[in-house]
Amino acid sequence: TRHSKLEFSLPFPLNSLASYIDMAQEEIREKIKTLLIGGKHTPTEISRILEVDRGTVYRVKKRFQMNITLKHKPGAGRPNLLSNSIKYTAAQLIKSDPETSIRKL
């Protein structure tokens, strides 16, 4: 065929995607906190070092100074429209035939 099948695999189960993202975000917040405590870098420098938005650095700095937890607040943000089981099913359908259009899925 003209198109080769797209093969992909995630380094973690699809249902743990949210927790994987939370762990990565928490790790970034901790790195920001460490660099802020060191006092050798400005927020702008920290944003460039960690390749994050400067506003993120200022938000973490404000939360840290106010002794507010740096952990992710459960329920914060836009709620998911699809359950994990539907996401998993969709991923399996795409993986089984990546050339199928969204309409045909």
PDB file of N, CA and C in Angstrom:
ATOM      1  N   THR A   1       0.832  -1.196   0.000  1.00  0.00           N
ATOM      2  CA  THR A   1       0.000   0.000   0.000  1.00  0.00           C
ATOM      3  C   THR A   1       0.867   1.246   0.000  1.00  0.00           C
ATOM      4  N   ARG A   2       0.224   2.325  -0.350  1.00  0.00           N
ATOM      5  CA  ARG A   2       0.932   3.590  -0.398  1.00  0.00           C
ATOM      6  C   ARG A   2       1.338   4.080   0.987  1.00  0.00           C
ATOM      7  N   HIS A   3       0.477   3.850   1.958  1.00  0.00           N
ATOM      8  CA  HIS A   3       0.761   4.282   3.324  1.00  0.00           C
ATOM      9  C   HIS A   3       1.204   3.088   4.157  1.00  0.00           C
ATOM     10  N   SER A   4       2.229   3.265   4.914  1.00  0.00           N
ATOM     11  CA  SER A   4       2.618   2.193   5.817  1.00  0.00           C
ATOM     12  C   SER A   4       1.835   2.347   7.113  1.00  0.00           C
ATOM     13  N   LYS A   5       1.603   1.242   7.778  1.00  0.00           N
ATOM     14  CA  LYS A   5       0.847   1.290   9.035  1.00  0.00           C
ATOM     15  C   LYS A   5       1.680   1.997  10.093  1.00  0.00           C
ATOM     16  N   LEU A   6       1.007   2.839  10.829  1.00  0.00           N
ATOM     17  CA  LEU A   6       1.658   3.574  11.902  1.00  0.00           C
ATOM     18  C   LEU A   6       1.704   2.695  13.139  1.00  0.00           C
ATOM     19  N   GLU A   7       2.873   2.417  13.607  1.00  0.00           N
ATOM     20  CA  GLU A   7       3.032   1.627  14.817  1.00  0.00           C
ATOM     21  C   GLU A   7       3.467   2.567  15.930  1.00  0.00           C
ATOM     22  N   PHE A   8       2.768   2.500  17.030  1.00  0.00           N
ATOM     23  CA  PHE A   8       3.162   3.314  18.167  1.00  0.00           C
ATOM     24  C   PHE A   8       2.840   2.575  19.438  1.00  0.00           C
ATOM     25  N   SER A   9       3.569   2.904  20.465  1.00  0.00           N
ATOM     26  CA  SER A   9       3.263   2.359  21.779  1.00  0.00           C
ATOM     27  C   SER A   9       3.638   3.414  22.802  1.00  0.00           C
ATOM     28  N   LEU A  10       2.894   3.442  23.859  1.00  0.00           N
ATOM     29  CA  LEU A  10       3.150   4.396  24.929  1.00  0.00           C
ATOM     30  C   LEU A  10       4.027   3.733  25.977  1.00  0.00           C
ATOM     31  N   PRO A  11       4.887   4.498  26.640  1.00  0.00           N
ATOM     32  CA  PRO A  11       5.760   3.902  27.661  1.00  0.00           C
ATOM     33  C   PRO A  11       5.023   3.626  28.972  1.00  0.00           C
ATOM     34  N   PHE A  12       3.683   3.773  28.966  1.00  0.00           N
ATOM     35  CA  PHE A  12       2.876   3.578  30.160  1.00  0.00           C
ATOM     36  C   PHE A  12       1.465   3.228  29.708  1.00  0.00           C
ATOM     37  N   PRO A  13       0.664   2.632  30.560  1.00  0.00           N
ATOM     38  CA  PRO A  13      -0.717   2.325  30.175  1.00  0.00           C
ATOM     39  C   PRO A  13      -1.504   3.602  29.917  1.00  0.00           C
ATOM     40  N   LEU A  14      -2.406   3.569  28.942  1.00  0.00           N
ATOM     41  CA  LEU A  14      -3.168   4.745  28.571  1.00  0.00           C
ATOM     42  C   LEU A  14      -3.978   5.288  29.738  1.00  0.00           C
ATOM     43  N   ASN A  15      -4.496   4.416  30.594  1.00  0.00           N
ATOM     44  CA  ASN A  15      -5.310   4.887  31.704  1.00  0.00           C
ATOM     45  C   ASN A  15      -4.502   5.624  32.766  1.00  0.00           C
ATOM     46  N   SER A  16      -3.193   5.536  32.717  1.00  0.00           N
ATOM     47  CA  SER A  16      -2.377   6.263  33.693  1.00  0.00           C
ATOM     48  C   SER A  16      -1.774   7.527  33.094  1.00  0.00           C
ATOM     49  N   LEU A  17      -2.274   7.944  31.929  1.00  0.00           N
ATOM     50  CA  LEU A  17      -1.753   9.136  31.265  1.00  0.00           C
ATOM     51  C   LEU A  17      -1.878  10.369  32.149  1.00  0.00           C
ATOM     52  N   ALA A  18      -3.022  10.552  32.783  1.00  0.00           N
ATOM     53  CA  ALA A  18      -3.236  11.720  33.637  1.00  0.00           C
ATOM     54  C   ALA A  18      -2.254  11.726  34.807  1.00  0.00           C
ATOM     55  N   SER A  19      -2.041  10.581  35.431  1.00  0.00           N
ATOM     56  CA  SER A  19      -1.112  10.546  36.564  1.00  0.00           C
ATOM     57  C   SER A  19       0.321  10.754  36.091  1.00  0.00           C
ATOM     58  N   TYR A  20       0.654  10.281  34.881  1.00  0.00           N
ATOM     59  CA  TYR A  20       1.989  10.500  34.322  1.00  0.00           C
ATOM     60  C   TYR A  20       2.228  11.991  34.091  1.00  0.00           C
ATOM     61  N   ILE A  21       1.215  12.683  33.559  1.00  0.00           N
ATOM     62  CA  ILE A  21       1.324  14.123  33.317  1.00  0.00           C
ATOM     63  C   ILE A  21       1.436  14.868  34.638  1.00  0.00           C
ATOM     64  N   ASP A  22       0.632  14.470  35.627  1.00  0.00           N
ATOM     65  CA  ASP A  22       0.696  15.105  36.945  1.00  0.00           C
ATOM     66  C   ASP A  22       2.084  14.973  37.557  1.00  0.00           C
ATOM     67  N   MET A  23       2.689  13.782  37.408  1.00  0.00           N
ATOM     68  CA  MET A  23       4.032  13.573  37.957  1.00  0.00           C
ATOM     69  C   MET A  23       5.040  14.481  37.262  1.00  0.00           C
ATOM     70  N   ALA A  24       4.929  14.628  35.942  1.00  0.00           N
ATOM     71  CA  ALA A  24       5.858  15.484  35.201  1.00  0.00           C
ATOM     72  C   ALA A  24       5.687  16.941  35.610  1.00  0.00           C
ATOM     73  N   GLN A  25       4.443  17.383  35.773  1.00  0.00           N
ATOM     74  CA  GLN A  25       4.193  18.767  36.175  1.00  0.00           C
ATOM     75  C   GLN A  25       4.698  19.018  37.589  1.00  0.00           C
ATOM     76  N   GLU A  26       4.502  18.058  38.473  1.00  0.00           N
ATOM     77  CA  GLU A  26       4.978  18.205  39.846  1.00  0.00           C
ATOM     78  C   GLU A  26       6.510  18.281  39.875  1.00  0.00           C
ATOM     79  N   GLU A  27       7.144  17.488  39.027  1.00  0.00           N
ATOM     80  CA  GLU A  27       8.610  17.497  38.945  1.00  0.00           C
ATOM     81  C   GLU A  27       9.104  18.874  38.487  1.00  0.00           C
ATOM     82  N   ILE A  28       8.427  19.471  37.513  1.00  0.00           N
ATOM     83  CA  ILE A  28       8.806  20.799  37.034  1.00  0.00           C
ATOM     84  C   ILE A  28       8.633  21.827  38.135  1.00  0.00           C
ATOM     85  N   ARG A  29       7.506  21.751  38.876  1.00  0.00           N
ATOM     86  CA  ARG A  29       7.285  22.696  39.973  1.00  0.00           C
ATOM     87  C   ARG A  29       8.371  22.569  41.039  1.00  0.00           C
ATOM     88  N   GLU A  30       8.797  21.344  41.332  1.00  0.00           N
ATOM     89  CA  GLU A  30       9.863  21.140  42.323  1.00  0.00           C
ATOM     90  C   GLU A  30      11.197  21.707  41.830  1.00  0.00           C
ATOM     91  N   LYS A  31      11.480  21.554  40.528  1.00  0.00           N
ATOM     92  CA  LYS A  31      12.719  22.119  39.971  1.00  0.00           C
ATOM     93  C   LYS A  31      12.687  23.636  40.045  1.00  0.00           C
ATOM     94  N   ILE A  32      11.531  24.230  39.755  1.00  0.00           N
ATOM     95  CA  ILE A  32      11.388  25.691  39.852  1.00  0.00           C
ATOM     96  C   ILE A  32      11.645  26.122  41.288  1.00  0.00           C
ATOM     97  N   LYS A  33      11.042  25.416  42.228  1.00  0.00           N
ATOM     98  CA  LYS A  33      11.204  25.735  43.656  1.00  0.00           C
ATOM     99  C   LYS A  33      12.681  25.662  44.058  1.00  0.00           C
ATOM    100  N   THR A  34      13.372  24.607  43.612  1.00  0.00           N
ATOM    101  CA  THR A  34      14.792  24.437  43.942  1.00  0.00           C
ATOM    102  C   THR A  34      15.625  25.592  43.398  1.00  0.00           C
ATOM    103  N   LEU A  35      15.361  25.996  42.154  1.00  0.00           N
ATOM    104  CA  LEU A  35      16.123  27.096  41.563  1.00  0.00           C
ATOM    105  C   LEU A  35      15.790  28.423  42.239  1.00  0.00           C
ATOM    106  N   LEU A  36      14.545  28.599  42.658  1.00  0.00           N
ATOM    107  CA  LEU A  36      14.176  29.822  43.366  1.00  0.00           C
ATOM    108  C   LEU A  36      14.863  29.904  44.721  1.00  0.00           C
ATOM    109  N   ILE A  37      14.915  28.769  45.427  1.00  0.00           N
ATOM    110  CA  ILE A  37      15.559  28.736  46.746  1.00  0.00           C
ATOM    111  C   ILE A  37      17.048  29.035  46.615  1.00  0.00           C
ATOM    112  N   GLY A  38      17.658  28.545  45.543  1.00  0.00           N
ATOM    113  CA  GLY A  38      19.087  28.790  45.325  1.00  0.00           C
ATOM    114  C   GLY A  38      19.411  30.274  45.214  1.00  0.00           C
ATOM    115  N   GLY A  39      18.457  31.055  44.709  1.00  0.00           N
ATOM    116  CA  GLY A  39      18.620  32.507  44.638  1.00  0.00           C
ATOM    117  C   GLY A  39      19.611  32.999  43.594  1.00  0.00           C
ATOM    118  N   LYS A  40      20.109  32.130  42.753  1.00  0.00           N
ATOM    119  CA  LYS A  40      21.101  32.544  41.757  1.00  0.00           C
ATOM    120  C   LYS A  40      20.477  32.912  40.419  1.00  0.00           C
ATOM    121  N   HIS A  41      19.180  32.596  40.243  1.00  0.00           N
ATOM    122  CA  HIS A  41      18.535  32.814  38.953  1.00  0.00           C
ATOM    123  C   HIS A  41      17.274  33.655  39.104  1.00  0.00           C
ATOM    124  N   THR A  42      17.032  34.488  38.111  1.00  0.00           N
ATOM    125  CA  THR A  42      15.790  35.253  38.067  1.00  0.00           C
ATOM    126  C   THR A  42      14.688  34.347  37.515  1.00  0.00           C
ATOM    127  N   PRO A  43      13.420  34.706  37.728  1.00  0.00           N
ATOM    128  CA  PRO A  43      12.343  33.909  37.154  1.00  0.00           C
ATOM    129  C   PRO A  43      12.456  33.767  35.629  1.00  0.00           C
ATOM    130  N   THR A  44      12.907  34.815  34.955  1.00  0.00           N
ATOM    131  CA  THR A  44      13.079  34.739  33.505  1.00  0.00           C
ATOM    132  C   THR A  44      14.141  33.710  33.139  1.00  0.00           C
ATOM    133  N   GLU A  45      15.253  33.696  33.870  1.00  0.00           N
ATOM    134  CA  GLU A  45      16.308  32.713  33.611  1.00  0.00           C
ATOM    135  C   GLU A  45      15.806  31.292  33.881  1.00  0.00           C
ATOM    136  N   ILE A  46      15.037  31.129  34.959  1.00  0.00           N
ATOM    137  CA  ILE A  46      14.495  29.808  35.290  1.00  0.00           C
ATOM    138  C   ILE A  46      13.566  29.326  34.183  1.00  0.00           C
ATOM    139  N   SER A  47      12.743  30.242  33.661  1.00  0.00           N
ATOM    140  CA  SER A  47      11.826  29.844  32.589  1.00  0.00           C
ATOM    141  C   SER A  47      12.594  29.404  31.347  1.00  0.00           C
ATOM    142  N   ARG A  48      13.709  30.039  31.082  1.00  0.00           N
ATOM    143  CA  ARG A  48      14.527  29.645  29.925  1.00  0.00           C
ATOM    144  C   ARG A  48      15.255  28.329  30.174  1.00  0.00           C
ATOM    145  N   ILE A  49      15.760  28.145  31.402  1.00  0.00           N
ATOM    146  CA  ILE A  49      16.480  26.921  31.741  1.00  0.00           C
ATOM    147  C   ILE A  49      15.561  25.705  31.626  1.00  0.00           C
ATOM    148  N   LEU A  50      14.346  25.823  32.182  1.00  0.00           N
ATOM    149  CA  LEU A  50      13.423  24.689  32.220  1.00  0.00           C
ATOM    150  C   LEU A  50      12.467  24.656  31.029  1.00  0.00           C
ATOM    151  N   GLU A  51      12.572  25.671  30.163  1.00  0.00           N
ATOM    152  CA  GLU A  51      11.714  25.778  28.978  1.00  0.00           C
ATOM    153  C   GLU A  51      10.233  25.740  29.344  1.00  0.00           C
ATOM    154  N   VAL A  52       9.877  26.573  30.331  1.00  0.00           N
ATOM    155  CA  VAL A  52       8.481  26.742  30.724  1.00  0.00           C
ATOM    156  C   VAL A  52       8.129  28.221  30.608  1.00  0.00           C
ATOM    157  N   ASP A  53       6.839  28.519  30.606  1.00  0.00           N
ATOM    158  CA  ASP A  53       6.381  29.883  30.515  1.00  0.00           C
ATOM    159  C   ASP A  53       6.799  30.658  31.769  1.00  0.00           C
ATOM    160  N   ARG A  54       7.153  31.910  31.587  1.00  0.00           N
ATOM    161  CA  ARG A  54       7.578  32.742  32.709  1.00  0.00           C
ATOM    162  C   ARG A  54       6.460  32.885  33.747  1.00  0.00           C
ATOM    163  N   GLY A  55       5.215  32.929  33.260  1.00  0.00           N
ATOM    164  CA  GLY A  55       4.072  33.013  34.167  1.00  0.00           C
ATOM    165  C   GLY A  55       3.988  31.818  35.091  1.00  0.00           C
ATOM    166  N   THR A  56       4.397  30.650  34.591  1.00  0.00           N
ATOM    167  CA  THR A  56       4.413  29.443  35.410  1.00  0.00           C
ATOM    168  C   THR A  56       5.388  29.599  36.563  1.00  0.00           C
ATOM    169  N   VAL A  57       6.546  30.162  36.283  1.00  0.00           N
ATOM    170  CA  VAL A  57       7.561  30.369  37.319  1.00  0.00           C
ATOM    171  C   VAL A  57       7.025  31.338  38.372  1.00  0.00           C
ATOM    172  N   TYR A  58       6.414  32.429  37.934  1.00  0.00           N
ATOM    173  CA  TYR A  58       5.873  33.401  38.883  1.00  0.00           C
ATOM    174  C   TYR A  58       4.735  32.800  39.707  1.00  0.00           C
ATOM    175  N   ARG A  59       3.896  31.976  39.082  1.00  0.00           N
ATOM    176  CA  ARG A  59       2.783  31.336  39.800  1.00  0.00           C
ATOM    177  C   ARG A  59       3.316  30.384  40.876  1.00  0.00           C
ATOM    178  N   VAL A  60       4.339  29.586  40.525  1.00  0.00           N
ATOM    179  CA  VAL A  60       4.942  28.676  41.496  1.00  0.00           C
ATOM    180  C   VAL A  60       5.605  29.474  42.610  1.00  0.00           C
ATOM    181  N   LYS A  61       6.279  30.564  42.258  1.00  0.00           N
ATOM    182  CA  LYS A  61       6.940  31.411  43.253  1.00  0.00           C
ATOM    183  C   LYS A  61       5.916  31.981  44.239  1.00  0.00           C
ATOM    184  N   LYS A  62       4.793  32.451  43.726  1.00  0.00           N
ATOM    185  CA  LYS A  62       3.752  33.023  44.579  1.00  0.00           C
ATOM    186  C   LYS A  62       3.180  31.963  45.517  1.00  0.00           C
ATOM    187  N   ARG A  63       2.894  30.772  44.972  1.00  0.00           N
ATOM    188  CA  ARG A  63       2.350  29.695  45.798  1.00  0.00           C
ATOM    189  C   ARG A  63       3.356  29.257  46.855  1.00  0.00           C
ATOM    190  N   PHE A  64       4.626  29.230  46.487  1.00  0.00           N
ATOM    191  CA  PHE A  64       5.675  28.836  47.426  1.00  0.00           C
ATOM    192  C   PHE A  64       5.808  29.870  48.546  1.00  0.00           C
ATOM    193  N   GLN A  65       5.787  31.154  48.191  1.00  0.00           N
ATOM    194  CA  GLN A  65       5.921  32.212  49.195  1.00  0.00           C
ATOM    195  C   GLN A  65       4.736  32.261  50.151  1.00  0.00           C
ATOM    196  N   MET A  66       3.558  31.870  49.663  1.00  0.00           N
ATOM    197  CA  MET A  66       2.362  31.892  50.494  1.00  0.00           C
ATOM    198  C   MET A  66       2.164  30.566  51.239  1.00  0.00           C
ATOM    199  N   ASN A  67       3.156  29.680  51.156  1.00  0.00           N
ATOM    200  CA  ASN A  67       3.108  28.356  51.791  1.00  0.00           C
ATOM    201  C   ASN A  67       1.903  27.535  51.340  1.00  0.00           C
ATOM    202  N   ILE A  68       1.543  27.671  50.080  1.00  0.00           N
ATOM    203  CA  ILE A  68       0.484  26.864  49.499  1.00  0.00           C
ATOM    204  C   ILE A  68       1.144  25.651  48.848  1.00  0.00           C
ATOM    205  N   THR A  69       0.512  24.513  48.948  1.00  0.00           N
ATOM    206  CA  THR A  69       1.089  23.291  48.388  1.00  0.00           C
ATOM    207  C   THR A  69       1.358  23.444  46.886  1.00  0.00           C
ATOM    208  N   LEU A  70       2.417  22.824  46.425  1.00  0.00           N
ATOM    209  CA  LEU A  70       2.770  22.864  45.009  1.00  0.00           C
ATOM    210  C   LEU A  70       2.173  21.678  44.259  1.00  0.00           C
ATOM    211  N   LYS A  71       1.466  20.811  44.970  1.00  0.00           N
ATOM    212  CA  LYS A  71       0.867  19.643  44.318  1.00  0.00           C
ATOM    213  C   LYS A  71      -0.354  20.062  43.507  1.00  0.00           C
ATOM    214  N   HIS A  72      -0.691  19.229  42.531  1.00  0.00           N
ATOM    215  CA  HIS A  72      -1.845  19.465  41.669  1.00  0.00           C
ATOM    216  C   HIS A  72      -3.126  19.381  42.490  1.00  0.00           C
ATOM    217  N   LYS A  73      -4.020  20.319  42.294  1.00  0.00           N
ATOM    218  CA  LYS A  73      -5.302  20.298  42.994  1.00  0.00           C
ATOM    219  C   LYS A  73      -6.257  19.372  42.247  1.00  0.00           C
ATOM    220  N   PRO A  74      -6.790  18.354  42.925  1.00  0.00           N
ATOM    221  CA  PRO A  74      -7.720  17.457  42.240  1.00  0.00           C
ATOM    222  C   PRO A  74      -8.983  18.209  41.832  1.00  0.00           C
ATOM    223  N   GLY A  75      -9.444  17.937  40.634  1.00  0.00           N
ATOM    224  CA  GLY A  75     -10.651  18.596  40.145  1.00  0.00           C
ATOM    225  C   GLY A  75     -10.388  19.931  39.488  1.00  0.00           C
ATOM    226  N   ALA A  76      -9.156  20.392  39.517  1.00  0.00           N
ATOM    227  CA  ALA A  76      -8.829  21.668  38.887  1.00  0.00           C
ATOM    228  C   ALA A  76      -8.707  21.471  37.386  1.00  0.00           C
ATOM    229  N   GLY A  77      -9.108  22.453  36.631  1.00  0.00           N
ATOM    230  CA  GLY A  77      -8.984  22.380  35.180  1.00  0.00           C
ATOM    231  C   GLY A  77     -10.252  21.897  34.509  1.00  0.00           C
ATOM    232  N   ARG A  78     -10.170  21.818  33.221  1.00  0.00           N
ATOM    233  CA  ARG A  78     -11.322  21.407  32.422  1.00  0.00           C
ATOM    234  C   ARG A  78     -11.575  19.910  32.586  1.00  0.00           C
ATOM    235  N   PRO A  79     -12.821  19.516  32.837  1.00  0.00           N
ATOM    236  CA  PRO A  79     -13.096  18.092  33.000  1.00  0.00           C
ATOM    237  C   PRO A  79     -12.990  17.344  31.675  1.00  0.00           C
ATOM    238  N   ASN A  80     -12.633  16.062  31.757  1.00  0.00           N
ATOM    239  CA  ASN A  80     -12.526  15.225  30.569  1.00  0.00           C
ATOM    240  C   ASN A  80     -13.906  14.933  29.999  1.00  0.00           C
ATOM    241  N   LEU A  81     -14.008  14.947  28.684  1.00  0.00           N
ATOM    242  CA  LEU A  81     -15.261  14.602  28.040  1.00  0.00           C
ATOM    243  C   LEU A  81     -15.390  13.100  27.831  1.00  0.00           C
ATOM    244  N   LEU A  82     -14.263  12.419  27.735  1.00  0.00           N
ATOM    245  CA  LEU A  82     -14.259  10.986  27.475  1.00  0.00           C
ATOM    246  C   LEU A  82     -13.689  10.230  28.668  1.00  0.00           C
ATOM    247  N   SER A  83     -14.277   9.093  28.963  1.00  0.00           N
ATOM    248  CA  SER A  83     -13.749   8.258  30.041  1.00  0.00           C
ATOM    249  C   SER A  83     -12.481   7.558  29.548  1.00  0.00           C
ATOM    250  N   ASN A  84     -11.725   7.033  30.488  1.00  0.00           N
ATOM    251  CA  ASN A  84     -10.495   6.322  30.130  1.00  0.00           C
ATOM    252  C   ASN A  84     -10.784   5.100  29.274  1.00  0.00           C
ATOM    253  N   SER A  85     -11.916   4.418  29.521  1.00  0.00           N
ATOM    254  CA  SER A  85     -12.234   3.228  28.723  1.00  0.00           C
ATOM    255  C   SER A  85     -12.531   3.603  27.268  1.00  0.00           C
ATOM    256  N   ILE A  86     -13.195   4.738  27.046  1.00  0.00           N
ATOM    257  CA  ILE A  86     -13.471   5.189  25.679  1.00  0.00           C
ATOM    258  C   ILE A  86     -12.168   5.602  24.988  1.00  0.00           C
ATOM    259  N   LYS A  87     -11.291   6.284  25.716  1.00  0.00           N
ATOM    260  CA  LYS A  87      -9.996   6.674  25.153  1.00  0.00           C
ATOM    261  C   LYS A  87      -9.187   5.431  24.761  1.00  0.00           C
ATOM    262  N   TYR A  88      -9.230   4.421  25.636  1.00  0.00           N
ATOM    263  CA  TYR A  88      -8.496   3.190  25.369  1.00  0.00           C
ATOM    264  C   TYR A  88      -9.047   2.497  24.123  1.00  0.00           C
ATOM    265  N   THR A  89     -10.380   2.421  24.029  1.00  0.00           N
ATOM    266  CA  THR A  89     -11.014   1.801  22.870  1.00  0.00           C
ATOM    267  C   THR A  89     -10.649   2.540  21.588  1.00  0.00           C
ATOM    268  N   ALA A  90     -10.678   3.865  21.636  1.00  0.00           N
ATOM    269  CA  ALA A  90     -10.319   4.672  20.467  1.00  0.00           C
ATOM    270  C   ALA A  90      -8.866   4.420  20.070  1.00  0.00           C
ATOM    271  N   ALA A  91      -7.985   4.357  21.048  1.00  0.00           N
ATOM    272  CA  ALA A  91      -6.570   4.105  20.759  1.00  0.00           C
ATOM    273  C   ALA A  91      -6.388   2.736  20.111  1.00  0.00           C
ATOM    274  N   GLN A  92      -7.124   1.738  20.595  1.00  0.00           N
ATOM    275  CA  GLN A  92      -7.031   0.396  20.013  1.00  0.00           C
ATOM    276  C   GLN A  92      -7.539   0.379  18.574  1.00  0.00           C
ATOM    277  N   LEU A  93      -8.650   1.087  18.303  1.00  0.00           N
ATOM    278  CA  LEU A  93      -9.182   1.158  16.938  1.00  0.00           C
ATOM    279  C   LEU A  93      -8.198   1.839  15.996  1.00  0.00           C
ATOM    280  N   ILE A  94      -7.604   2.915  16.453  1.00  0.00           N
ATOM    281  CA  ILE A  94      -6.629   3.635  15.629  1.00  0.00           C
ATOM    282  C   ILE A  94      -5.399   2.772  15.392  1.00  0.00           C
ATOM    283  N   LYS A  95      -4.968   2.081  16.441  1.00  0.00           N
ATOM    284  CA  LYS A  95      -3.785   1.228  16.325  1.00  0.00           C
ATOM    285  C   LYS A  95      -4.031   0.062  15.358  1.00  0.00           C
ATOM    286  N   SER A  96      -5.264  -0.487  15.380  1.00  0.00           N
ATOM    287  CA  SER A  96      -5.558  -1.627  14.525  1.00  0.00           C
ATOM    288  C   SER A  96      -5.630  -1.239  13.050  1.00  0.00           C
ATOM    289  N   ASP A  97      -6.110  -0.017  12.748  1.00  0.00           N
ATOM    290  CA  ASP A  97      -6.191   0.426  11.351  1.00  0.00           C
ATOM    291  C   ASP A  97      -6.003   1.941  11.305  1.00  0.00           C
ATOM    292  N   PRO A  98      -4.758   2.405  11.272  1.00  0.00           N
ATOM    293  CA  PRO A  98      -4.486   3.842  11.329  1.00  0.00           C
ATOM    294  C   PRO A  98      -4.946   4.615  10.090  1.00  0.00           C
ATOM    295  N   GLU A  99      -5.277   3.915   9.001  1.00  0.00           N
ATOM    296  CA  GLU A  99      -5.710   4.620   7.794  1.00  0.00           C
ATOM    297  C   GLU A  99      -7.203   4.923   7.801  1.00  0.00           C
ATOM    298  N   THR A 100      -7.942   4.391   8.738  1.00  0.00           N
ATOM    299  CA  THR A 100      -9.375   4.650   8.819  1.00  0.00           C
ATOM    300  C   THR A 100      -9.619   6.076   9.283  1.00  0.00           C
ATOM    301  N   SER A 101     -10.575   6.724   8.643  1.00  0.00           N
ATOM    302  CA  SER A 101     -10.892   8.107   9.024  1.00  0.00           C
ATOM    303  C   SER A 101     -11.656   8.145  10.335  1.00  0.00           C
ATOM    304  N   ILE A 102     -11.703   9.313  10.948  1.00  0.00           N
ATOM    305  CA  ILE A 102     -12.437   9.488  12.200  1.00  0.00           C
ATOM    306  C   ILE A 102     -13.910   9.183  12.001  1.00  0.00           C
ATOM    307  N   ARG A 103     -14.479   9.590  10.880  1.00  0.00           N
ATOM    308  CA  ARG A 103     -15.901   9.317  10.623  1.00  0.00           C
ATOM    309  C   ARG A 103     -16.204   7.833  10.603  1.00  0.00           C
ATOM    310  N   LYS A 104     -15.300   7.047  10.037  1.00  0.00           N
ATOM    311  CA  LYS A 104     -15.541   5.602   9.928  1.00  0.00           C
ATOM    312  C   LYS A 104     -15.303   4.895  11.257  1.00  0.00           C
ATOM    313  N   LEU A 105     -14.564   5.497  12.154  1.00  0.00           N
ATOM    314  CA  LEU A 105     -14.360   4.893  13.456  1.00  0.00           C
ATOM    315  C   LEU A 105     -15.653   4.921  14.211  1.00  0.00           C
TER     316      LEU A 105
END
